[in-house]
Amino acid sequence: VVAVPTGRHMRAALEESGPFDLIILDLMLPGED
């Protein structure tokens, strides 16, 4: 598991820690929802 708080961190994790088999994505996020 990799856990991050925002879309910006998500993009960084996708590039640095991927590939991922599934993304758990919260609807209500600060900035980009």
mmCIF file of all heavy atoms, coordinates in Angstrom:
data_MODEL
# 
_entry.id   MODEL 
# 
loop_
_atom_site.group_PDB 
_atom_site.id 
_atom_site.type_symbol 
_atom_site.label_atom_id 
_atom_site.label_alt_id 
_atom_site.label_comp_id 
_atom_site.label_asym_id 
_atom_site.label_entity_id 
_atom_site.label_seq_id 
_atom_site.pdbx_PDB_ins_code 
_atom_site.Cartn_x 
_atom_site.Cartn_y 
_atom_site.Cartn_z 
_atom_site.occupancy 
_atom_site.B_iso_or_equiv 
_atom_site.pdbx_formal_charge 
_atom_site.auth_seq_id 
_atom_site.auth_comp_id 
_atom_site.auth_asym_id 
_atom_site.auth_atom_id 
_atom_site.pdbx_PDB_model_num 
ATOM 1   N N   . VAL A 1 1  ? 0.826   -1.211 0.000   1.00 0.00 ? 1  VAL A N   1 
ATOM 2   C CA  . VAL A 1 1  ? 0.000   0.000  0.000   1.00 0.00 ? 1  VAL A CA  1 
ATOM 3   C C   . VAL A 1 1  ? 0.858   1.259  0.000   1.00 0.00 ? 1  VAL A C   1 
ATOM 4   O O   . VAL A 1 1  ? 1.857   1.340  0.715   1.00 0.00 ? 1  VAL A O   1 
ATOM 5   C CB  . VAL A 1 1  ? -0.940  0.028  1.230   1.00 0.00 ? 1  VAL A CB  1 
ATOM 6   C CG1 . VAL A 1 1  ? -1.754  1.324  1.258   1.00 0.00 ? 1  VAL A CG1 1 
ATOM 7   C CG2 . VAL A 1 1  ? -1.863  -1.184 1.227   1.00 0.00 ? 1  VAL A CG2 1 
ATOM 8   N N   . VAL A 1 2  ? 0.446   2.227  -0.823  1.00 0.00 ? 2  VAL A N   1 
ATOM 9   C CA  . VAL A 1 2  ? 0.962   3.593  -0.751  1.00 0.00 ? 2  VAL A CA  1 
ATOM 10  C C   . VAL A 1 2  ? -0.259  4.482  -0.516  1.00 0.00 ? 2  VAL A C   1 
ATOM 11  O O   . VAL A 1 2  ? -1.270  4.350  -1.205  1.00 0.00 ? 2  VAL A O   1 
ATOM 12  C CB  . VAL A 1 2  ? 1.675   4.007  -2.054  1.00 0.00 ? 2  VAL A CB  1 
ATOM 13  C CG1 . VAL A 1 2  ? 2.039   5.493  -2.025  1.00 0.00 ? 2  VAL A CG1 1 
ATOM 14  C CG2 . VAL A 1 2  ? 2.917   3.152  -2.274  1.00 0.00 ? 2  VAL A CG2 1 
ATOM 15  N N   . ALA A 1 3  ? -0.195  5.384  0.466   1.00 0.00 ? 3  ALA A N   1 
ATOM 16  C CA  . ALA A 1 3  ? -1.320  6.249  0.798   1.00 0.00 ? 3  ALA A CA  1 
ATOM 17  C C   . ALA A 1 3  ? -0.899  7.716  0.721   1.00 0.00 ? 3  ALA A C   1 
ATOM 18  O O   . ALA A 1 3  ? 0.129   8.097  1.301   1.00 0.00 ? 3  ALA A O   1 
ATOM 19  C CB  . ALA A 1 3  ? -1.856  5.921  2.188   1.00 0.00 ? 3  ALA A CB  1 
ATOM 20  N N   . VAL A 1 4  ? -1.689  8.529  0.013   1.00 0.00 ? 4  VAL A N   1 
ATOM 21  C CA  . VAL A 1 4  ? -1.369  9.947  -0.188  1.00 0.00 ? 4  VAL A CA  1 
ATOM 22  C C   . VAL A 1 4  ? -2.624  10.795 0.003   1.00 0.00 ? 4  VAL A C   1 
ATOM 23  O O   . VAL A 1 4  ? -3.746  10.289 -0.096  1.00 0.00 ? 4  VAL A O   1 
ATOM 24  C CB  . VAL A 1 4  ? -0.775  10.189 -1.597  1.00 0.00 ? 4  VAL A CB  1 
ATOM 25  C CG1 . VAL A 1 4  ? 0.516   9.416  -1.780  1.00 0.00 ? 4  VAL A CG1 1 
ATOM 26  C CG2 . VAL A 1 4  ? -1.784  9.809  -2.676  1.00 0.00 ? 4  VAL A CG2 1 
ATOM 27  N N   . PRO A 1 5  ? -2.460  12.135 0.274   1.00 0.00 ? 5  PRO A N   1 
ATOM 28  C CA  . PRO A 1 5  ? -3.615  12.963 0.612   1.00 0.00 ? 5  PRO A CA  1 
ATOM 29  C C   . PRO A 1 5  ? -4.247  13.762 -0.534  1.00 0.00 ? 5  PRO A C   1 
ATOM 30  O O   . PRO A 1 5  ? -5.376  14.229 -0.387  1.00 0.00 ? 5  PRO A O   1 
ATOM 31  C CB  . PRO A 1 5  ? -3.030  13.919 1.658   1.00 0.00 ? 5  PRO A CB  1 
ATOM 32  C CG  . PRO A 1 5  ? -1.603  14.080 1.246   1.00 0.00 ? 5  PRO A CG  1 
ATOM 33  C CD  . PRO A 1 5  ? -1.183  12.761 0.658   1.00 0.00 ? 5  PRO A CD  1 
ATOM 34  N N   . THR A 1 6  ? -3.556  13.970 -1.637  1.00 0.00 ? 6  THR A N   1 
ATOM 35  C CA  . THR A 1 6  ? -4.080  14.859 -2.687  1.00 0.00 ? 6  THR A CA  1 
ATOM 36  C C   . THR A 1 6  ? -3.781  14.313 -4.082  1.00 0.00 ? 6  THR A C   1 
ATOM 37  O O   . THR A 1 6  ? -2.999  13.374 -4.249  1.00 0.00 ? 6  THR A O   1 
ATOM 38  C CB  . THR A 1 6  ? -3.445  16.257 -2.588  1.00 0.00 ? 6  THR A CB  1 
ATOM 39  O OG1 . THR A 1 6  ? -2.045  16.154 -2.927  1.00 0.00 ? 6  THR A OG1 1 
ATOM 40  C CG2 . THR A 1 6  ? -3.599  16.860 -1.195  1.00 0.00 ? 6  THR A CG2 1 
ATOM 41  N N   . GLY A 1 7  ? -4.411  14.965 -5.073  1.00 0.00 ? 7  GLY A N   1 
ATOM 42  C CA  . GLY A 1 7  ? -4.161  14.589 -6.455  1.00 0.00 ? 7  GLY A CA  1 
ATOM 43  C C   . GLY A 1 7  ? -2.721  14.799 -6.866  1.00 0.00 ? 7  GLY A C   1 
ATOM 44  O O   . GLY A 1 7  ? -2.162  14.013 -7.640  1.00 0.00 ? 7  GLY A O   1 
ATOM 45  N N   . ARG A 1 8  ? -2.108  15.864 -6.363  1.00 0.00 ? 8  ARG A N   1 
ATOM 46  C CA  . ARG A 1 8  ? -0.702  16.123 -6.690  1.00 0.00 ? 8  ARG A CA  1 
ATOM 47  C C   . ARG A 1 8  ? 0.185   14.983 -6.187  1.00 0.00 ? 8  ARG A C   1 
ATOM 48  O O   . ARG A 1 8  ? 1.071   14.504 -6.907  1.00 0.00 ? 8  ARG A O   1 
ATOM 49  C CB  . ARG A 1 8  ? -0.263  17.452 -6.069  1.00 0.00 ? 8  ARG A CB  1 
ATOM 50  C CG  . ARG A 1 8  ? 1.202   17.796 -6.294  1.00 0.00 ? 8  ARG A CG  1 
ATOM 51  C CD  . ARG A 1 8  ? 1.503   19.207 -5.808  1.00 0.00 ? 8  ARG A CD  1 
ATOM 52  N NE  . ARG A 1 8  ? 1.239   19.338 -4.381  1.00 0.00 ? 8  ARG A NE  1 
ATOM 53  C CZ  . ARG A 1 8  ? 2.112   19.010 -3.418  1.00 0.00 ? 8  ARG A CZ  1 
ATOM 54  N NH1 . ARG A 1 8  ? 3.295   18.500 -3.752  1.00 0.00 ? 8  ARG A NH1 1 
ATOM 55  N NH2 . ARG A 1 8  ? 1.819   19.192 -2.142  1.00 0.00 ? 8  ARG A NH2 1 
ATOM 56  N N   . HIS A 1 9  ? -0.080  14.542 -4.969  1.00 0.00 ? 9  HIS A N   1 
ATOM 57  C CA  . HIS A 1 9  ? 0.687   13.422 -4.424  1.00 0.00 ? 9  HIS A CA  1 
ATOM 58  C C   . HIS A 1 9  ? 0.369   12.117 -5.162  1.00 0.00 ? 9  HIS A C   1 
ATOM 59  O O   . HIS A 1 9  ? 1.229   11.255 -5.304  1.00 0.00 ? 9  HIS A O   1 
ATOM 60  C CB  . HIS A 1 9  ? 0.377   13.261 -2.928  1.00 0.00 ? 9  HIS A CB  1 
ATOM 61  C CG  . HIS A 1 9  ? 0.897   14.372 -2.072  1.00 0.00 ? 9  HIS A CG  1 
ATOM 62  N ND1 . HIS A 1 9  ? 0.151   15.488 -1.766  1.00 0.00 ? 9  HIS A ND1 1 
ATOM 63  C CD2 . HIS A 1 9  ? 2.102   14.544 -1.466  1.00 0.00 ? 9  HIS A CD2 1 
ATOM 64  C CE1 . HIS A 1 9  ? 0.867   16.291 -0.995  1.00 0.00 ? 9  HIS A CE1 1 
ATOM 65  N NE2 . HIS A 1 9  ? 2.055   15.746 -0.804  1.00 0.00 ? 9  HIS A NE2 1 
ATOM 66  N N   . MET A 1 10 ? -0.876  11.983 -5.625  1.00 0.00 ? 10 MET A N   1 
ATOM 67  C CA  . MET A 1 10 ? -1.243  10.793 -6.383  1.00 0.00 ? 10 MET A CA  1 
ATOM 68  C C   . MET A 1 10 ? -0.406  10.681 -7.650  1.00 0.00 ? 10 MET A C   1 
ATOM 69  O O   . MET A 1 10 ? 0.116   9.601  -7.963  1.00 0.00 ? 10 MET A O   1 
ATOM 70  C CB  . MET A 1 10 ? -2.727  10.852 -6.753  1.00 0.00 ? 10 MET A CB  1 
ATOM 71  C CG  . MET A 1 10 ? -3.211  9.662  -7.579  1.00 0.00 ? 10 MET A CG  1 
ATOM 72  S SD  . MET A 1 10 ? -4.830  9.946  -8.377  1.00 0.00 ? 10 MET A SD  1 
ATOM 73  C CE  . MET A 1 10 ? -4.295  10.965 -9.790  1.00 0.00 ? 10 MET A CE  1 
ATOM 74  N N   . ARG A 1 11 ? -0.274  11.785 -8.375  1.00 0.00 ? 11 ARG A N   1 
ATOM 75  C CA  . ARG A 1 11 ? 0.495   11.763 -9.617  1.00 0.00 ? 11 ARG A CA  1 
ATOM 76  C C   . ARG A 1 11 ? 1.955   11.410 -9.355  1.00 0.00 ? 11 ARG A C   1 
ATOM 77  O O   . ARG A 1 11 ? 2.584   10.669 -10.114 1.00 0.00 ? 11 ARG A O   1 
ATOM 78  C CB  . ARG A 1 11 ? 0.371   13.106 -10.336 1.00 0.00 ? 11 ARG A CB  1 
ATOM 79  C CG  . ARG A 1 11 ? -1.027  13.381 -10.867 1.00 0.00 ? 11 ARG A CG  1 
ATOM 80  C CD  . ARG A 1 11 ? -1.058  14.616 -11.768 1.00 0.00 ? 11 ARG A CD  1 
ATOM 81  N NE  . ARG A 1 11 ? -2.377  14.798 -12.342 1.00 0.00 ? 11 ARG A NE  1 
ATOM 82  C CZ  . ARG A 1 11 ? -3.350  15.501 -11.783 1.00 0.00 ? 11 ARG A CZ  1 
ATOM 83  N NH1 . ARG A 1 11 ? -3.122  16.109 -10.613 1.00 0.00 ? 11 ARG A NH1 1 
ATOM 84  N NH2 . ARG A 1 11 ? -4.525  15.623 -12.360 1.00 0.00 ? 11 ARG A NH2 1 
ATOM 85  N N   . ALA A 1 12 ? 2.487   11.953 -8.282  1.00 0.00 ? 12 ALA A N   1 
ATOM 86  C CA  . ALA A 1 12 ? 3.873   11.646 -7.933  1.00 0.00 ? 12 ALA A CA  1 
ATOM 87  C C   . ALA A 1 12 ? 4.027   10.169 -7.591  1.00 0.00 ? 12 ALA A C   1 
ATOM 88  O O   . ALA A 1 12 ? 4.987   9.512  -8.016  1.00 0.00 ? 12 ALA A O   1 
ATOM 89  C CB  . ALA A 1 12 ? 4.327   12.517 -6.759  1.00 0.00 ? 12 ALA A CB  1 
ATOM 90  N N   . ALA A 1 13 ? 3.070   9.627  -6.845  1.00 0.00 ? 13 ALA A N   1 
ATOM 91  C CA  . ALA A 1 13 ? 3.142   8.209  -6.475  1.00 0.00 ? 13 ALA A CA  1 
ATOM 92  C C   . ALA A 1 13 ? 3.018   7.305  -7.687  1.00 0.00 ? 13 ALA A C   1 
ATOM 93  O O   . ALA A 1 13 ? 3.685   6.270  -7.782  1.00 0.00 ? 13 ALA A O   1 
ATOM 94  C CB  . ALA A 1 13 ? 2.035   7.891  -5.462  1.00 0.00 ? 13 ALA A CB  1 
ATOM 95  N N   . LEU A 1 14 ? 2.164   7.682  -8.636  1.00 0.00 ? 14 LEU A N   1 
ATOM 96  C CA  . LEU A 1 14 ? 2.004   6.878  -9.848  1.00 0.00 ? 14 LEU A CA  1 
ATOM 97  C C   . LEU A 1 14 ? 3.316   6.776  -10.617 1.00 0.00 ? 14 LEU A C   1 
ATOM 98  O O   . LEU A 1 14 ? 3.650   5.710  -11.152 1.00 0.00 ? 14 LEU A O   1 
ATOM 99  C CB  . LEU A 1 14 ? 0.920   7.490  -10.749 1.00 0.00 ? 14 LEU A CB  1 
ATOM 100 C CG  . LEU A 1 14 ? -0.527  7.306  -10.286 1.00 0.00 ? 14 LEU A CG  1 
ATOM 101 C CD1 . LEU A 1 14 ? -1.460  8.200  -11.084 1.00 0.00 ? 14 LEU A CD1 1 
ATOM 102 C CD2 . LEU A 1 14 ? -0.955  5.848  -10.396 1.00 0.00 ? 14 LEU A CD2 1 
ATOM 103 N N   . GLU A 1 15 ? 4.050   7.860  -10.652 1.00 0.00 ? 15 GLU A N   1 
ATOM 104 C CA  . GLU A 1 15 ? 5.315   7.871  -11.387 1.00 0.00 ? 15 GLU A CA  1 
ATOM 105 C C   . GLU A 1 15 ? 6.457   7.227  -10.604 1.00 0.00 ? 15 GLU A C   1 
ATOM 106 O O   . GLU A 1 15 ? 7.310   6.555  -11.181 1.00 0.00 ? 15 GLU A O   1 
ATOM 107 C CB  . GLU A 1 15 ? 5.686   9.318  -11.751 1.00 0.00 ? 15 GLU A CB  1 
ATOM 108 C CG  . GLU A 1 15 ? 4.715   9.993  -12.697 1.00 0.00 ? 15 GLU A CG  1 
ATOM 109 C CD  . GLU A 1 15 ? 4.588   9.263  -14.018 1.00 0.00 ? 15 GLU A CD  1 
ATOM 110 O OE1 . GLU A 1 15 ? 5.603   8.764  -14.545 1.00 0.00 ? 15 GLU A OE1 1 
ATOM 111 O OE2 . GLU A 1 15 ? 3.455   9.165  -14.538 1.00 0.00 ? 15 GLU A OE2 1 
ATOM 112 N N   . GLU A 1 16 ? 6.455   7.423  -9.292  1.00 0.00 ? 16 GLU A N   1 
ATOM 113 C CA  . GLU A 1 16 ? 7.593   6.986  -8.480  1.00 0.00 ? 16 GLU A CA  1 
ATOM 114 C C   . GLU A 1 16 ? 7.425   5.600  -7.865  1.00 0.00 ? 16 GLU A C   1 
ATOM 115 O O   . GLU A 1 16 ? 8.410   4.880  -7.668  1.00 0.00 ? 16 GLU A O   1 
ATOM 116 C CB  . GLU A 1 16 ? 7.839   8.006  -7.357  1.00 0.00 ? 16 GLU A CB  1 
ATOM 117 C CG  . GLU A 1 16 ? 8.214   9.405  -7.865  1.00 0.00 ? 16 GLU A CG  1 
ATOM 118 C CD  . GLU A 1 16 ? 8.196   10.444 -6.765  1.00 0.00 ? 16 GLU A CD  1 
ATOM 119 O OE1 . GLU A 1 16 ? 8.033   10.049 -5.583  1.00 0.00 ? 16 GLU A OE1 1 
ATOM 120 O OE2 . GLU A 1 16 ? 8.311   11.649 -7.071  1.00 0.00 ? 16 GLU A OE2 1 
ATOM 121 N N   . SER A 1 17 ? 6.182   5.213  -7.554  1.00 0.00 ? 17 SER A N   1 
ATOM 122 C CA  . SER A 1 17 ? 5.961   3.972  -6.808  1.00 0.00 ? 17 SER A CA  1 
ATOM 123 C C   . SER A 1 17 ? 5.143   2.935  -7.560  1.00 0.00 ? 17 SER A C   1 
ATOM 124 O O   . SER A 1 17 ? 4.918   1.844  -7.048  1.00 0.00 ? 17 SER A O   1 
ATOM 125 C CB  . SER A 1 17 ? 5.256   4.282  -5.472  1.00 0.00 ? 17 SER A CB  1 
ATOM 126 O OG  . SER A 1 17 ? 5.966   5.242  -4.729  1.00 0.00 ? 17 SER A OG  1 
ATOM 127 N N   . GLY A 1 18 ? 4.657   3.277  -8.751  1.00 0.00 ? 18 GLY A N   1 
ATOM 128 C CA  . GLY A 1 18 ? 3.810   2.360  -9.517  1.00 0.00 ? 18 GLY A CA  1 
ATOM 129 C C   . GLY A 1 18 ? 4.626   1.251  -10.153 1.00 0.00 ? 18 GLY A C   1 
ATOM 130 O O   . GLY A 1 18 ? 5.840   1.166  -9.960  1.00 0.00 ? 18 GLY A O   1 
ATOM 131 N N   . PRO A 1 19 ? 3.967   0.347  -10.907 1.00 0.00 ? 19 PRO A N   1 
ATOM 132 C CA  . PRO A 1 19 ? 2.531   0.394  -11.207 1.00 0.00 ? 19 PRO A CA  1 
ATOM 133 C C   . PRO A 1 19 ? 1.688   -0.106 -10.048 1.00 0.00 ? 19 PRO A C   1 
ATOM 134 O O   . PRO A 1 19 ? 2.170   -0.821 -9.176  1.00 0.00 ? 19 PRO A O   1 
ATOM 135 C CB  . PRO A 1 19 ? 2.415   -0.542 -12.417 1.00 0.00 ? 19 PRO A CB  1 
ATOM 136 C CG  . PRO A 1 19 ? 3.523   -1.531 -12.218 1.00 0.00 ? 19 PRO A CG  1 
ATOM 137 C CD  . PRO A 1 19 ? 4.657   -0.761 -11.601 1.00 0.00 ? 19 PRO A CD  1 
ATOM 138 N N   . PHE A 1 20 ? 0.399   0.298  -10.078 1.00 0.00 ? 20 PHE A N   1 
ATOM 139 C CA  . PHE A 1 20 ? -0.542  -0.122 -9.051  1.00 0.00 ? 20 PHE A CA  1 
ATOM 140 C C   . PHE A 1 20 ? -1.604  -1.019 -9.677  1.00 0.00 ? 20 PHE A C   1 
ATOM 141 O O   . PHE A 1 20 ? -1.962  -0.867 -10.838 1.00 0.00 ? 20 PHE A O   1 
ATOM 142 C CB  . PHE A 1 20 ? -1.206  1.098  -8.401  1.00 0.00 ? 20 PHE A CB  1 
ATOM 143 C CG  . PHE A 1 20 ? -0.252  1.916  -7.575  1.00 0.00 ? 20 PHE A CG  1 
ATOM 144 C CD1 . PHE A 1 20 ? 0.399   3.013  -8.129  1.00 0.00 ? 20 PHE A CD1 1 
ATOM 145 C CD2 . PHE A 1 20 ? 0.001   1.591  -6.254  1.00 0.00 ? 20 PHE A CD2 1 
ATOM 146 C CE1 . PHE A 1 20 ? 1.288   3.771  -7.378  1.00 0.00 ? 20 PHE A CE1 1 
ATOM 147 C CE2 . PHE A 1 20 ? 0.885   2.340  -5.487  1.00 0.00 ? 20 PHE A CE2 1 
ATOM 148 C CZ  . PHE A 1 20 ? 1.536   3.429  -6.050  1.00 0.00 ? 20 PHE A CZ  1 
ATOM 149 N N   . ASP A 1 21 ? -2.120  -1.928 -8.861  1.00 0.00 ? 21 ASP A N   1 
ATOM 150 C CA  . ASP A 1 21 ? -3.160  -2.840 -9.327  1.00 0.00 ? 21 ASP A CA  1 
ATOM 151 C C   . ASP A 1 21 ? -4.549  -2.247 -9.147  1.00 0.00 ? 21 ASP A C   1 
ATOM 152 O O   . ASP A 1 21 ? -5.498  -2.678 -9.803  1.00 0.00 ? 21 ASP A O   1 
ATOM 153 C CB  . ASP A 1 21 ? -3.066  -4.169 -8.584  1.00 0.00 ? 21 ASP A CB  1 
ATOM 154 C CG  . ASP A 1 21 ? -1.771  -4.894 -8.896  1.00 0.00 ? 21 ASP A CG  1 
ATOM 155 O OD1 . ASP A 1 21 ? -1.635  -5.398 -10.020 1.00 0.00 ? 21 ASP A OD1 1 
ATOM 156 O OD2 . ASP A 1 21 ? -0.885  -4.927 -8.020  1.00 0.00 ? 21 ASP A OD2 1 
ATOM 157 N N   . LEU A 1 22 ? -4.670  -1.256 -8.259  1.00 0.00 ? 22 LEU A N   1 
ATOM 158 C CA  . LEU A 1 22 ? -5.953  -0.590 -8.040  1.00 0.00 ? 22 LEU A CA  1 
ATOM 159 C C   . LEU A 1 22 ? -5.713  0.720  -7.304  1.00 0.00 ? 22 LEU A C   1 
ATOM 160 O O   . LEU A 1 22 ? -4.790  0.828  -6.496  1.00 0.00 ? 22 LEU A O   1 
ATOM 161 C CB  . LEU A 1 22 ? -6.900  -1.483 -7.234  1.00 0.00 ? 22 LEU A CB  1 
ATOM 162 C CG  . LEU A 1 22 ? -8.296  -0.933 -6.948  1.00 0.00 ? 22 LEU A CG  1 
ATOM 163 C CD1 . LEU A 1 22 ? -9.372  -2.031 -7.122  1.00 0.00 ? 22 LEU A CD1 1 
ATOM 164 C CD2 . LEU A 1 22 ? -8.381  -0.380 -5.511  1.00 0.00 ? 22 LEU A CD2 1 
ATOM 165 N N   . ILE A 1 23 ? -6.575  1.707  -7.585  1.00 0.00 ? 23 ILE A N   1 
ATOM 166 C CA  . ILE A 1 23 ? -6.512  3.002  -6.903  1.00 0.00 ? 23 ILE A CA  1 
ATOM 167 C C   . ILE A 1 23 ? -7.798  3.191  -6.109  1.00 0.00 ? 23 ILE A C   1 
ATOM 168 O O   . ILE A 1 23 ? -8.901  3.087  -6.659  1.00 0.00 ? 23 ILE A O   1 
ATOM 169 C CB  . ILE A 1 23 ? -6.343  4.162  -7.902  1.00 0.00 ? 23 ILE A CB  1 
ATOM 170 C CG1 . ILE A 1 23 ? -5.042  4.000  -8.691  1.00 0.00 ? 23 ILE A CG1 1 
ATOM 171 C CG2 . ILE A 1 23 ? -6.361  5.511  -7.173  1.00 0.00 ? 23 ILE A CG2 1 
ATOM 172 C CD1 . ILE A 1 23 ? -4.888  4.984  -9.834  1.00 0.00 ? 23 ILE A CD1 1 
ATOM 173 N N   . ILE A 1 24 ? -7.662  3.448  -4.799  1.00 0.00 ? 24 ILE A N   1 
ATOM 174 C CA  . ILE A 1 24 ? -8.792  3.837  -3.952  1.00 0.00 ? 24 ILE A CA  1 
ATOM 175 C C   . ILE A 1 24 ? -8.805  5.360  -3.922  1.00 0.00 ? 24 ILE A C   1 
ATOM 176 O O   . ILE A 1 24 ? -7.854  5.982  -3.451  1.00 0.00 ? 24 ILE A O   1 
ATOM 177 C CB  . ILE A 1 24 ? -8.644  3.262  -2.537  1.00 0.00 ? 24 ILE A CB  1 
ATOM 178 C CG1 . ILE A 1 24 ? -8.636  1.726  -2.583  1.00 0.00 ? 24 ILE A CG1 1 
ATOM 179 C CG2 . ILE A 1 24 ? -9.771  3.765  -1.634  1.00 0.00 ? 24 ILE A CG2 1 
ATOM 180 C CD1 . ILE A 1 24 ? -8.297  1.075  -1.244  1.00 0.00 ? 24 ILE A CD1 1 
ATOM 181 N N   . LEU A 1 25 ? -9.864  5.966  -4.456  1.00 0.00 ? 25 LEU A N   1 
ATOM 182 C CA  . LEU A 1 25 ? -9.870  7.409  -4.695  1.00 0.00 ? 25 LEU A CA  1 
ATOM 183 C C   . LEU A 1 25 ? -11.054 8.066  -3.991  1.00 0.00 ? 25 LEU A C   1 
ATOM 184 O O   . LEU A 1 25 ? -12.221 7.731  -4.262  1.00 0.00 ? 25 LEU A O   1 
ATOM 185 C CB  . LEU A 1 25 ? -9.950  7.659  -6.207  1.00 0.00 ? 25 LEU A CB  1 
ATOM 186 C CG  . LEU A 1 25 ? -9.950  9.100  -6.706  1.00 0.00 ? 25 LEU A CG  1 
ATOM 187 C CD1 . LEU A 1 25 ? -8.682  9.828  -6.289  1.00 0.00 ? 25 LEU A CD1 1 
ATOM 188 C CD2 . LEU A 1 25 ? -10.102 9.122  -8.229  1.00 0.00 ? 25 LEU A CD2 1 
ATOM 189 N N   . ASP A 1 26 ? -10.772 9.002  -3.080  1.00 0.00 ? 26 ASP A N   1 
ATOM 190 C CA  . ASP A 1 26 ? -11.835 9.709  -2.378  1.00 0.00 ? 26 ASP A CA  1 
ATOM 191 C C   . ASP A 1 26 ? -12.455 10.754 -3.294  1.00 0.00 ? 26 ASP A C   1 
ATOM 192 O O   . ASP A 1 26 ? -11.754 11.434 -4.056  1.00 0.00 ? 26 ASP A O   1 
ATOM 193 C CB  . ASP A 1 26 ? -11.257 10.382 -1.124  1.00 0.00 ? 26 ASP A CB  1 
ATOM 194 C CG  . ASP A 1 26 ? -12.335 11.007 -0.257  1.00 0.00 ? 26 ASP A CG  1 
ATOM 195 O OD1 . ASP A 1 26 ? -13.472 10.499 -0.261  1.00 0.00 ? 26 ASP A OD1 1 
ATOM 196 O OD2 . ASP A 1 26 ? -12.052 12.008 0.419   1.00 0.00 ? 26 ASP A OD2 1 
ATOM 197 N N   . LEU A 1 27 ? -13.780 10.888 -3.243  1.00 0.00 ? 27 LEU A N   1 
ATOM 198 C CA  . LEU A 1 27 ? -14.464 11.867 -4.090  1.00 0.00 ? 27 LEU A CA  1 
ATOM 199 C C   . LEU A 1 27 ? -14.166 13.296 -3.655  1.00 0.00 ? 27 LEU A C   1 
ATOM 200 O O   . LEU A 1 27 ? -13.876 14.164 -4.471  1.00 0.00 ? 27 LEU A O   1 
ATOM 201 C CB  . LEU A 1 27 ? -15.976 11.610 -4.042  1.00 0.00 ? 27 LEU A CB  1 
ATOM 202 C CG  . LEU A 1 27 ? -16.856 12.585 -4.819  1.00 0.00 ? 27 LEU A CG  1 
ATOM 203 C CD1 . LEU A 1 27 ? -16.598 12.475 -6.306  1.00 0.00 ? 27 LEU A CD1 1 
ATOM 204 C CD2 . LEU A 1 27 ? -18.323 12.342 -4.515  1.00 0.00 ? 27 LEU A CD2 1 
ATOM 205 N N   . MET A 1 28 ? -14.216 13.540 -2.335  1.00 0.00 ? 28 MET A N   1 
ATOM 206 C CA  . MET A 1 28 ? -14.047 14.901 -1.817  1.00 0.00 ? 28 MET A CA  1 
ATOM 207 C C   . MET A 1 28 ? -12.605 15.119 -1.390  1.00 0.00 ? 28 MET A C   1 
ATOM 208 O O   . MET A 1 28 ? -12.200 14.716 -0.298  1.00 0.00 ? 28 MET A O   1 
ATOM 209 C CB  . MET A 1 28 ? -14.995 15.126 -0.639  1.00 0.00 ? 28 MET A CB  1 
ATOM 210 C CG  . MET A 1 28 ? -16.464 14.892 -0.975  1.00 0.00 ? 28 MET A CG  1 
ATOM 211 S SD  . MET A 1 28 ? -17.063 16.010 -2.267  1.00 0.00 ? 28 MET A SD  1 
ATOM 212 C CE  . MET A 1 28 ? -17.079 17.564 -1.371  1.00 0.00 ? 28 MET A CE  1 
ATOM 213 N N   . LEU A 1 29 ? -11.836 15.758 -2.245  1.00 0.00 ? 29 LEU A N   1 
ATOM 214 C CA  . LEU A 1 29 ? -10.434 16.045 -1.968  1.00 0.00 ? 29 LEU A CA  1 
ATOM 215 C C   . LEU A 1 29 ? -10.185 17.544 -2.091  1.00 0.00 ? 29 LEU A C   1 
ATOM 216 O O   . LEU A 1 29 ? -10.860 18.230 -2.861  1.00 0.00 ? 29 LEU A O   1 
ATOM 217 C CB  . LEU A 1 29 ? -9.529  15.310 -2.973  1.00 0.00 ? 29 LEU A CB  1 
ATOM 218 C CG  . LEU A 1 29 ? -9.450  13.788 -2.877  1.00 0.00 ? 29 LEU A CG  1 
ATOM 219 C CD1 . LEU A 1 29 ? -8.725  13.225 -4.092  1.00 0.00 ? 29 LEU A CD1 1 
ATOM 220 C CD2 . LEU A 1 29 ? -8.734  13.376 -1.597  1.00 0.00 ? 29 LEU A CD2 1 
ATOM 221 N N   . PRO A 1 30 ? -9.214  18.077 -1.362  1.00 0.00 ? 30 PRO A N   1 
ATOM 222 C CA  . PRO A 1 30 ? -8.858  19.489 -1.538  1.00 0.00 ? 30 PRO A CA  1 
ATOM 223 C C   . PRO A 1 30 ? -8.210  19.702 -2.906  1.00 0.00 ? 30 PRO A C   1 
ATOM 224 O O   . PRO A 1 30 ? -7.497  18.836 -3.410  1.00 0.00 ? 30 PRO A O   1 
ATOM 225 C CB  . PRO A 1 30 ? -7.852  19.731 -0.402  1.00 0.00 ? 30 PRO A CB  1 
ATOM 226 C CG  . PRO A 1 30 ? -7.275  18.383 -0.110  1.00 0.00 ? 30 PRO A CG  1 
ATOM 227 C CD  . PRO A 1 30 ? -8.389  17.408 -0.348  1.00 0.00 ? 30 PRO A CD  1 
ATOM 228 N N   . GLY A 1 31 ? -8.491  20.833 -3.521  1.00 0.00 ? 31 GLY A N   1 
ATOM 229 C CA  . GLY A 1 31 ? -7.949  21.078 -4.864  1.00 0.00 ? 31 GLY A CA  1 
ATOM 230 C C   . GLY A 1 31 ? -8.746  20.306 -5.891  1.00 0.00 ? 31 GLY A C   1 
ATOM 231 O O   . GLY A 1 31 ? -9.969  20.454 -5.983  1.00 0.00 ? 31 GLY A O   1 
ATOM 232 N N   . GLU A 1 32 ? -8.091  19.451 -6.647  1.00 0.00 ? 32 GLU A N   1 
ATOM 233 C CA  . GLU A 1 32 ? -8.786  18.626 -7.633  1.00 0.00 ? 32 GLU A CA  1 
ATOM 234 C C   . GLU A 1 32 ? -9.593  17.538 -6.921  1.00 0.00 ? 32 GLU A C   1 
ATOM 235 O O   . GLU A 1 32 ? -9.040  16.794 -6.112  1.00 0.00 ? 32 GLU A O   1 
ATOM 236 C CB  . GLU A 1 32 ? -7.782  17.963 -8.572  1.00 0.00 ? 32 GLU A CB  1 
ATOM 237 C CG  . GLU A 1 32 ? -6.983  18.934 -9.427  1.00 0.00 ? 32 GLU A CG  1 
ATOM 238 C CD  . GLU A 1 32 ? -5.942  18.219 -10.266 1.00 0.00 ? 32 GLU A CD  1 
ATOM 239 O OE1 . GLU A 1 32 ? -4.935  17.777 -9.675  1.00 0.00 ? 32 GLU A OE1 1 
ATOM 240 O OE2 . GLU A 1 32 ? -6.143  18.087 -11.482 1.00 0.00 ? 32 GLU A OE2 1 
ATOM 241 N N   . ASP A 1 33 ? -10.874 17.448 -7.228  1.00 0.00 ? 33 ASP A N   1 
ATOM 242 C CA  . ASP A 1 33 ? -11.682 16.439 -6.553  1.00 0.00 ? 33 ASP A CA  1 
ATOM 243 C C   . ASP A 1 33 ? -11.536 15.082 -7.233  1.00 0.00 ? 33 ASP A C   1 
ATOM 244 O O   . ASP A 1 33 ? -10.891 14.941 -8.277  1.00 0.00 ? 33 ASP A O   1 
ATOM 245 C CB  . ASP A 1 33 ? -13.148 16.863 -6.475  1.00 0.00 ? 33 ASP A CB  1 
ATOM 246 C CG  . ASP A 1 33 ? -13.801 16.997 -7.846  1.00 0.00 ? 33 ASP A CG  1 
ATOM 247 O OD1 . ASP A 1 33 ? -13.287 16.430 -8.829  1.00 0.00 ? 33 ASP A OD1 1 
ATOM 248 O OD2 . ASP A 1 33 ? -14.845 17.666 -7.927  1.00 0.00 ? 33 ASP A OD2 1 
# 
